[in-house]
């Protein structure tokens, strides 16, 4: 997008920290009742998952789907 603006920033990470960079496809998932998940609902799973693999498992369990409708990167 030509009109997009971005800011640079820095953050110090402790040695045992994990940094997750993800697209909206990991939390905007369609649930069995056809509603779509939100970022706010996703945060507890993100905070509690010990790994990216476990996080994807949690999200799949919530959606009860074998695959995602959107990109999950």
PDB file of N, CA and C in Angstrom:
ATOM      1  N   UNK A   1       0.838  -1.179   0.000  1.00  0.00           N
ATOM      2  CA  UNK A   1       0.000   0.000   0.000  1.00  0.00           C
ATOM      3  C   UNK A   1       0.879   1.237   0.000  1.00  0.00           C
ATOM      4  N   UNK A   2       0.663   2.104  -0.956  1.00  0.00           N
ATOM      5  CA  UNK A   2       1.458   3.319  -1.035  1.00  0.00           C
ATOM      6  C   UNK A   2       1.256   4.234   0.166  1.00  0.00           C
ATOM      7  N   UNK A   3       0.093   4.181   0.784  1.00  0.00           N
ATOM      8  CA  UNK A   3      -0.192   5.078   1.903  1.00  0.00           C
ATOM      9  C   UNK A   3       0.219   4.503   3.260  1.00  0.00           C
ATOM     10  N   UNK A   4       0.733   3.287   3.283  1.00  0.00           N
ATOM     11  CA  UNK A   4       1.107   2.658   4.548  1.00  0.00           C
ATOM     12  C   UNK A   4       2.303   3.364   5.176  1.00  0.00           C
ATOM     13  N   UNK A   5       2.232   3.516   6.487  1.00  0.00           N
ATOM     14  CA  UNK A   5       3.334   4.113   7.230  1.00  0.00           C
ATOM     15  C   UNK A   5       3.802   3.116   8.282  1.00  0.00           C
ATOM     16  N   UNK A   6       5.101   3.059   8.495  1.00  0.00           N
ATOM     17  CA  UNK A   6       5.682   2.119   9.435  1.00  0.00           C
ATOM     18  C   UNK A   6       6.626   2.863  10.363  1.00  0.00           C
ATOM     19  N   UNK A   7       6.722   2.380  11.576  1.00  0.00           N
ATOM     20  CA  UNK A   7       7.648   2.944  12.542  1.00  0.00           C
ATOM     21  C   UNK A   7       8.681   1.895  12.909  1.00  0.00           C
ATOM     22  N   UNK A   8       9.897   2.325  13.144  1.00  0.00           N
ATOM     23  CA  UNK A   8      10.944   1.439  13.642  1.00  0.00           C
ATOM     24  C   UNK A   8      10.978   1.541  15.149  1.00  0.00           C
ATOM     25  N   UNK A   9      11.408   0.493  15.795  1.00  0.00           N
ATOM     26  CA  UNK A   9      11.524   0.498  17.240  1.00  0.00           C
ATOM     27  C   UNK A   9      12.488  -0.569  17.694  1.00  0.00           C
ATOM     28  N   UNK A  10      12.831  -0.503  18.937  1.00  0.00           N
ATOM     29  CA  UNK A  10      13.724  -1.485  19.543  1.00  0.00           C
ATOM     30  C   UNK A  10      13.144  -1.929  20.878  1.00  0.00           C
ATOM     31  N   UNK A  11      13.447  -3.156  21.236  1.00  0.00           N
ATOM     32  CA  UNK A  11      13.046  -3.694  22.533  1.00  0.00           C
ATOM     33  C   UNK A  11      14.128  -4.658  22.997  1.00  0.00           C
ATOM     34  N   UNK A  12      14.423  -4.632  24.250  1.00  0.00           N
ATOM     35  CA  UNK A  12      15.399  -5.558  24.812  1.00  0.00           C
ATOM     36  C   UNK A  12      14.666  -6.799  25.290  1.00  0.00           C
ATOM     37  N   UNK A  13      15.184  -7.953  24.893  1.00  0.00           N
ATOM     38  CA  UNK A  13      14.555  -9.228  25.246  1.00  0.00           C
ATOM     39  C   UNK A  13      15.440  -9.971  26.231  1.00  0.00           C
ATOM     40  N   UNK A  14      14.853 -10.487  27.313  1.00  0.00           N
ATOM     41  CA  UNK A  14      15.638 -11.313  28.230  1.00  0.00           C
ATOM     42  C   UNK A  14      16.108 -12.584  27.521  1.00  0.00           C
ATOM     43  N   UNK A  15      17.193 -13.182  27.985  1.00  0.00           N
ATOM     44  CA  UNK A  15      17.743 -14.379  27.316  1.00  0.00           C
ATOM     45  C   UNK A  15      16.749 -15.532  27.168  1.00  0.00           C
ATOM     46  N   UNK A  16      15.814 -15.703  28.093  1.00  0.00           N
ATOM     47  CA  UNK A  16      14.887 -16.834  28.026  1.00  0.00           C
ATOM     48  C   UNK A  16      13.546 -16.467  27.394  1.00  0.00           C
ATOM     49  N   UNK A  17      13.444 -15.295  26.783  1.00  0.00           N
ATOM     50  CA  UNK A  17      12.192 -14.833  26.180  1.00  0.00           C
ATOM     51  C   UNK A  17      11.954 -15.498  24.826  1.00  0.00           C
ATOM     52  N   UNK A  18      10.689 -15.510  24.423  1.00  0.00           N
ATOM     53  CA  UNK A  18      10.294 -15.988  23.103  1.00  0.00           C
ATOM     54  C   UNK A  18       9.640 -14.833  22.361  1.00  0.00           C
ATOM     55  N   UNK A  19       9.958 -14.689  21.107  1.00  0.00           N
ATOM     56  CA  UNK A  19       9.355 -13.667  20.273  1.00  0.00           C
ATOM     57  C   UNK A  19       8.517 -14.366  19.212  1.00  0.00           C
ATOM     58  N   UNK A  20       7.217 -14.080  19.214  1.00  0.00           N
ATOM     59  CA  UNK A  20       6.318 -14.637  18.220  1.00  0.00           C
ATOM     60  C   UNK A  20       5.902 -13.524  17.273  1.00  0.00           C
ATOM     61  N   UNK A  21       6.070 -13.760  15.987  1.00  0.00           N
ATOM     62  CA  UNK A  21       5.614 -12.845  14.942  1.00  0.00           C
ATOM     63  C   UNK A  21       4.595 -13.644  14.136  1.00  0.00           C
ATOM     64  N   UNK A  22       3.380 -13.138  14.066  1.00  0.00           N
ATOM     65  CA  UNK A  22       2.330 -13.920  13.431  1.00  0.00           C
ATOM     66  C   UNK A  22       1.376 -13.025  12.662  1.00  0.00           C
ATOM     67  N   UNK A  23       0.653 -13.632  11.739  1.00  0.00           N
ATOM     68  CA  UNK A  23      -0.360 -12.924  10.966  1.00  0.00           C
ATOM     69  C   UNK A  23      -1.712 -13.061  11.658  1.00  0.00           C
ATOM     70  N   UNK A  24      -2.672 -12.294  11.207  1.00  0.00           N
ATOM     71  CA  UNK A  24      -4.009 -12.343  11.804  1.00  0.00           C
ATOM     72  C   UNK A  24      -4.717 -13.675  11.562  1.00  0.00           C
ATOM     73  N   UNK A  25      -4.208 -14.492  10.659  1.00  0.00           N
ATOM     74  CA  UNK A  25      -4.825 -15.788  10.386  1.00  0.00           C
ATOM     75  C   UNK A  25      -4.781 -16.749  11.558  1.00  0.00           C
ATOM     76  N   UNK A  26      -3.885 -16.536  12.507  1.00  0.00           N
ATOM     77  CA  UNK A  26      -3.796 -17.427  13.673  1.00  0.00           C
ATOM     78  C   UNK A  26      -4.900 -17.160  14.691  1.00  0.00           C
ATOM     79  N   UNK A  27      -5.438 -15.949  14.702  1.00  0.00           N
ATOM     80  CA  UNK A  27      -6.503 -15.676  15.679  1.00  0.00           C
ATOM     81  C   UNK A  27      -7.856 -15.361  15.037  1.00  0.00           C
ATOM     82  N   UNK A  28      -7.901 -14.941  13.797  1.00  0.00           N
ATOM     83  CA  UNK A  28      -9.174 -14.711  13.120  1.00  0.00           C
ATOM     84  C   UNK A  28      -9.635 -16.024  12.499  1.00  0.00           C
ATOM     85  N   UNK A  29      -9.932 -16.979  13.355  1.00  0.00           N
ATOM     86  CA  UNK A  29     -10.322 -18.320  12.920  1.00  0.00           C
ATOM     87  C   UNK A  29     -11.830 -18.488  13.068  1.00  0.00           C
ATOM     88  N   UNK A  30     -12.399 -19.229  12.143  1.00  0.00           N
ATOM     89  CA  UNK A  30     -13.839 -19.499  12.196  1.00  0.00           C
ATOM     90  C   UNK A  30     -14.078 -20.649  13.162  1.00  0.00           C
ATOM     91  N   UNK A  31     -14.954 -20.396  14.126  1.00  0.00           N
ATOM     92  CA  UNK A  31     -15.297 -21.414  15.122  1.00  0.00           C
ATOM     93  C   UNK A  31     -16.489 -22.241  14.641  1.00  0.00           C
ATOM     94  N   UNK A  32     -16.760 -23.357  15.301  1.00  0.00           N
ATOM     95  CA  UNK A  32     -17.878 -24.211  14.875  1.00  0.00           C
ATOM     96  C   UNK A  32     -19.225 -23.482  14.804  1.00  0.00           C
ATOM     97  N   UNK A  33     -19.418 -22.427  15.606  1.00  0.00           N
ATOM     98  CA  UNK A  33     -20.680 -21.683  15.566  1.00  0.00           C
ATOM     99  C   UNK A  33     -20.664 -20.570  14.515  1.00  0.00           C
ATOM    100  N   UNK A  34     -19.654 -20.556  13.647  1.00  0.00           N
ATOM    101  CA  UNK A  34     -19.467 -19.607  12.543  1.00  0.00           C
ATOM    102  C   UNK A  34     -19.019 -18.212  12.969  1.00  0.00           C
ATOM    103  N   UNK A  35     -18.779 -17.976  14.257  1.00  0.00           N
ATOM    104  CA  UNK A  35     -18.219 -16.698  14.676  1.00  0.00           C
ATOM    105  C   UNK A  35     -16.712 -16.729  14.431  1.00  0.00           C
ATOM    106  N   UNK A  36     -16.100 -15.566  14.430  1.00  0.00           N
ATOM    107  CA  UNK A  36     -14.673 -15.460  14.152  1.00  0.00           C
ATOM    108  C   UNK A  36     -13.943 -15.025  15.413  1.00  0.00           C
ATOM    109  N   UNK A  37     -12.828 -15.679  15.695  1.00  0.00           N
ATOM    110  CA  UNK A  37     -12.031 -15.357  16.864  1.00  0.00           C
ATOM    111  C   UNK A  37     -11.428 -13.964  16.785  1.00  0.00           C
ATOM    112  N   UNK A  38     -11.095 -13.420  17.956  1.00  0.00           N
ATOM    113  CA  UNK A  38     -10.512 -12.084  18.037  1.00  0.00           C
ATOM    114  C   UNK A  38      -9.120 -12.155  18.650  1.00  0.00           C
ATOM    115  N   UNK A  39      -8.389 -11.094  18.451  1.00  0.00           N
ATOM    116  CA  UNK A  39      -7.045 -10.986  19.032  1.00  0.00           C
ATOM    117  C   UNK A  39      -7.113 -11.082  20.557  1.00  0.00           C
ATOM    118  N   UNK A  40      -8.087 -10.405  21.155  1.00  0.00           N
ATOM    119  CA  UNK A  40      -8.222 -10.426  22.615  1.00  0.00           C
ATOM    120  C   UNK A  40      -8.468 -11.836  23.143  1.00  0.00           C
ATOM    121  N   UNK A  41      -9.236 -12.623  22.422  1.00  0.00           N
ATOM    122  CA  UNK A  41      -9.483 -14.007  22.820  1.00  0.00           C
ATOM    123  C   UNK A  41      -8.246 -14.879  22.628  1.00  0.00           C
ATOM    124  N   UNK A  42      -7.407 -14.497  21.687  1.00  0.00           N
ATOM    125  CA  UNK A  42      -6.206 -15.250  21.360  1.00  0.00           C
ATOM    126  C   UNK A  42      -5.099 -15.060  22.392  1.00  0.00           C
ATOM    127  N   UNK A  43      -5.047 -13.895  23.026  1.00  0.00           N
ATOM    128  CA  UNK A  43      -3.934 -13.564  23.928  1.00  0.00           C
ATOM    129  C   UNK A  43      -3.702 -14.574  25.051  1.00  0.00           C
ATOM    130  N   UNK A  44      -4.738 -15.082  25.741  1.00  0.00           N
ATOM    131  CA  UNK A  44      -4.459 -16.090  26.774  1.00  0.00           C
ATOM    132  C   UNK A  44      -3.781 -17.345  26.236  1.00  0.00           C
ATOM    133  N   UNK A  45      -4.166 -17.781  25.051  1.00  0.00           N
ATOM    134  CA  UNK A  45      -3.518 -18.959  24.447  1.00  0.00           C
ATOM    135  C   UNK A  45      -2.068 -18.644  24.134  1.00  0.00           C
ATOM    136  N   UNK A  46      -1.819 -17.456  23.603  1.00  0.00           N
ATOM    137  CA  UNK A  46      -0.454 -17.045  23.288  1.00  0.00           C
ATOM    138  C   UNK A  46       0.399 -17.000  24.546  1.00  0.00           C
ATOM    139  N   UNK A  47      -0.145 -16.445  25.610  1.00  0.00           N
ATOM    140  CA  UNK A  47       0.605 -16.319  26.868  1.00  0.00           C
ATOM    141  C   UNK A  47       0.855 -17.678  27.521  1.00  0.00           C
ATOM    142  N   UNK A  48      -0.047 -18.629  27.312  1.00  0.00           N
ATOM    143  CA  UNK A  48       0.072 -19.915  27.989  1.00  0.00           C
ATOM    144  C   UNK A  48       0.751 -21.017  27.205  1.00  0.00           C
ATOM    145  N   UNK A  49       0.968 -20.805  25.925  1.00  0.00           N
ATOM    146  CA  UNK A  49       1.552 -21.862  25.092  1.00  0.00           C
ATOM    147  C   UNK A  49       3.068 -21.875  25.234  1.00  0.00           C
ATOM    148  N   UNK A  50       3.647 -23.032  25.521  1.00  0.00           N
ATOM    149  CA  UNK A  50       5.108 -23.113  25.669  1.00  0.00           C
ATOM    150  C   UNK A  50       5.869 -23.100  24.349  1.00  0.00           C
ATOM    151  N   UNK A  51       5.165 -23.278  23.224  1.00  0.00           N
ATOM    152  CA  UNK A  51       5.840 -23.299  21.924  1.00  0.00           C
ATOM    153  C   UNK A  51       4.844 -22.932  20.830  1.00  0.00           C
ATOM    154  N   UNK A  52       5.365 -22.613  19.654  1.00  0.00           N
ATOM    155  CA  UNK A  52       4.505 -22.300  18.511  1.00  0.00           C
ATOM    156  C   UNK A  52       3.681 -23.518  18.106  1.00  0.00           C
ATOM    157  N   UNK A  53       4.255 -24.685  18.200  1.00  0.00           N
ATOM    158  CA  UNK A  53       3.531 -25.917  17.854  1.00  0.00           C
ATOM    159  C   UNK A  53       2.338 -26.097  18.787  1.00  0.00           C
ATOM    160  N   UNK A  54       2.545 -25.865  20.058  1.00  0.00           N
ATOM    161  CA  UNK A  54       1.454 -25.988  21.028  1.00  0.00           C
ATOM    162  C   UNK A  54       0.396 -24.915  20.792  1.00  0.00           C
ATOM    163  N   UNK A  55       0.804 -23.728  20.429  1.00  0.00           N
ATOM    164  CA  UNK A  55      -0.138 -22.647  20.149  1.00  0.00           C
ATOM    165  C   UNK A  55      -1.041 -23.017  18.975  1.00  0.00           C
ATOM    166  N   UNK A  56      -0.477 -23.553  17.927  1.00  0.00           N
ATOM    167  CA  UNK A  56      -1.280 -23.978  16.777  1.00  0.00           C
ATOM    168  C   UNK A  56      -2.223 -25.107  17.167  1.00  0.00           C
ATOM    169  N   UNK A  57      -1.756 -26.005  18.020  1.00  0.00           N
ATOM    170  CA  UNK A  57      -2.627 -27.096  18.490  1.00  0.00           C
ATOM    171  C   UNK A  57      -3.822 -26.533  19.248  1.00  0.00           C
ATOM    172  N   UNK A  58      -3.592 -25.543  20.111  1.00  0.00           N
ATOM    173  CA  UNK A  58      -4.670 -24.924  20.889  1.00  0.00           C
ATOM    174  C   UNK A  58      -5.687 -24.275  19.953  1.00  0.00           C
ATOM    175  N   UNK A  59      -5.201 -23.544  18.967  1.00  0.00           N
ATOM    176  CA  UNK A  59      -6.106 -22.865  18.032  1.00  0.00           C
ATOM    177  C   UNK A  59      -6.897 -23.887  17.224  1.00  0.00           C
ATOM    178  N   UNK A  60      -6.250 -24.938  16.768  1.00  0.00           N
ATOM    179  CA  UNK A  60      -6.957 -25.983  16.015  1.00  0.00           C
ATOM    180  C   UNK A  60      -8.020 -26.653  16.879  1.00  0.00           C
ATOM    181  N   UNK A  61      -7.703 -26.862  18.136  1.00  0.00           N
ATOM    182  CA  UNK A  61      -8.665 -27.475  19.055  1.00  0.00           C
ATOM    183  C   UNK A  61      -9.904 -26.589  19.200  1.00  0.00           C
ATOM    184  N   UNK A  62      -9.695 -25.286  19.276  1.00  0.00           N
ATOM    185  CA  UNK A  62     -10.817 -24.344  19.394  1.00  0.00           C
ATOM    186  C   UNK A  62     -11.681 -24.334  18.143  1.00  0.00           C
ATOM    187  N   UNK A  63     -11.066 -24.441  16.979  1.00  0.00           N
ATOM    188  CA  UNK A  63     -11.815 -24.361  15.725  1.00  0.00           C
ATOM    189  C   UNK A  63     -12.379 -25.706  15.293  1.00  0.00           C
ATOM    190  N   UNK A  64     -11.788 -26.770  15.807  1.00  0.00           N
ATOM    191  CA  UNK A  64     -12.157 -28.134  15.412  1.00  0.00           C
ATOM    192  C   UNK A  64     -11.988 -28.345  13.916  1.00  0.00           C
ATOM    193  N   UNK A  65     -10.966 -27.699  13.357  1.00  0.00           N
ATOM    194  CA  UNK A  65     -10.715 -27.816  11.915  1.00  0.00           C
ATOM    195  C   UNK A  65      -9.349 -28.431  11.671  1.00  0.00           C
ATOM    196  N   UNK A  66      -9.239 -29.160  10.596  1.00  0.00           N
ATOM    197  CA  UNK A  66      -7.977 -29.765  10.203  1.00  0.00           C
ATOM    198  C   UNK A  66      -7.036 -28.747   9.603  1.00  0.00           C
ATOM    199  N   UNK A  67      -7.590 -27.715   8.937  1.00  0.00           N
ATOM    200  CA  UNK A  67      -6.780 -26.686   8.307  1.00  0.00           C
ATOM    201  C   UNK A  67      -7.390 -25.319   8.594  1.00  0.00           C
ATOM    202  N   UNK A  68      -6.641 -24.293   8.278  1.00  0.00           N
ATOM    203  CA  UNK A  68      -7.065 -22.922   8.503  1.00  0.00           C
ATOM    204  C   UNK A  68      -7.612 -22.325   7.212  1.00  0.00           C
ATOM    205  N   UNK A  69      -8.604 -21.430   7.331  1.00  0.00           N
ATOM    206  CA  UNK A  69      -9.186 -20.757   6.161  1.00  0.00           C
ATOM    207  C   UNK A  69      -8.257 -19.654   5.644  1.00  0.00           C
ATOM    208  N   UNK A  70      -7.463 -19.080   6.520  1.00  0.00           N
ATOM    209  CA  UNK A  70      -6.601 -17.944   6.192  1.00  0.00           C
ATOM    210  C   UNK A  70      -5.146 -18.381   6.373  1.00  0.00           C
ATOM    211  N   UNK A  71      -4.237 -17.522   5.960  1.00  0.00           N
ATOM    212  CA  UNK A  71      -2.819 -17.837   6.151  1.00  0.00           C
ATOM    213  C   UNK A  71      -2.479 -17.829   7.641  1.00  0.00           C
ATOM    214  N   UNK A  72      -1.658 -18.734   8.035  1.00  0.00           N
ATOM    215  CA  UNK A  72      -1.158 -18.797   9.402  1.00  0.00           C
ATOM    216  C   UNK A  72       0.358 -18.798   9.289  1.00  0.00           C
ATOM    217  N   UNK A  73       0.903 -17.638   9.478  1.00  0.00           N
ATOM    218  CA  UNK A  73       2.360 -17.514   9.356  1.00  0.00           C
ATOM    219  C   UNK A  73       2.923 -16.865  10.598  1.00  0.00           C
TER     220      UNK A  73
END
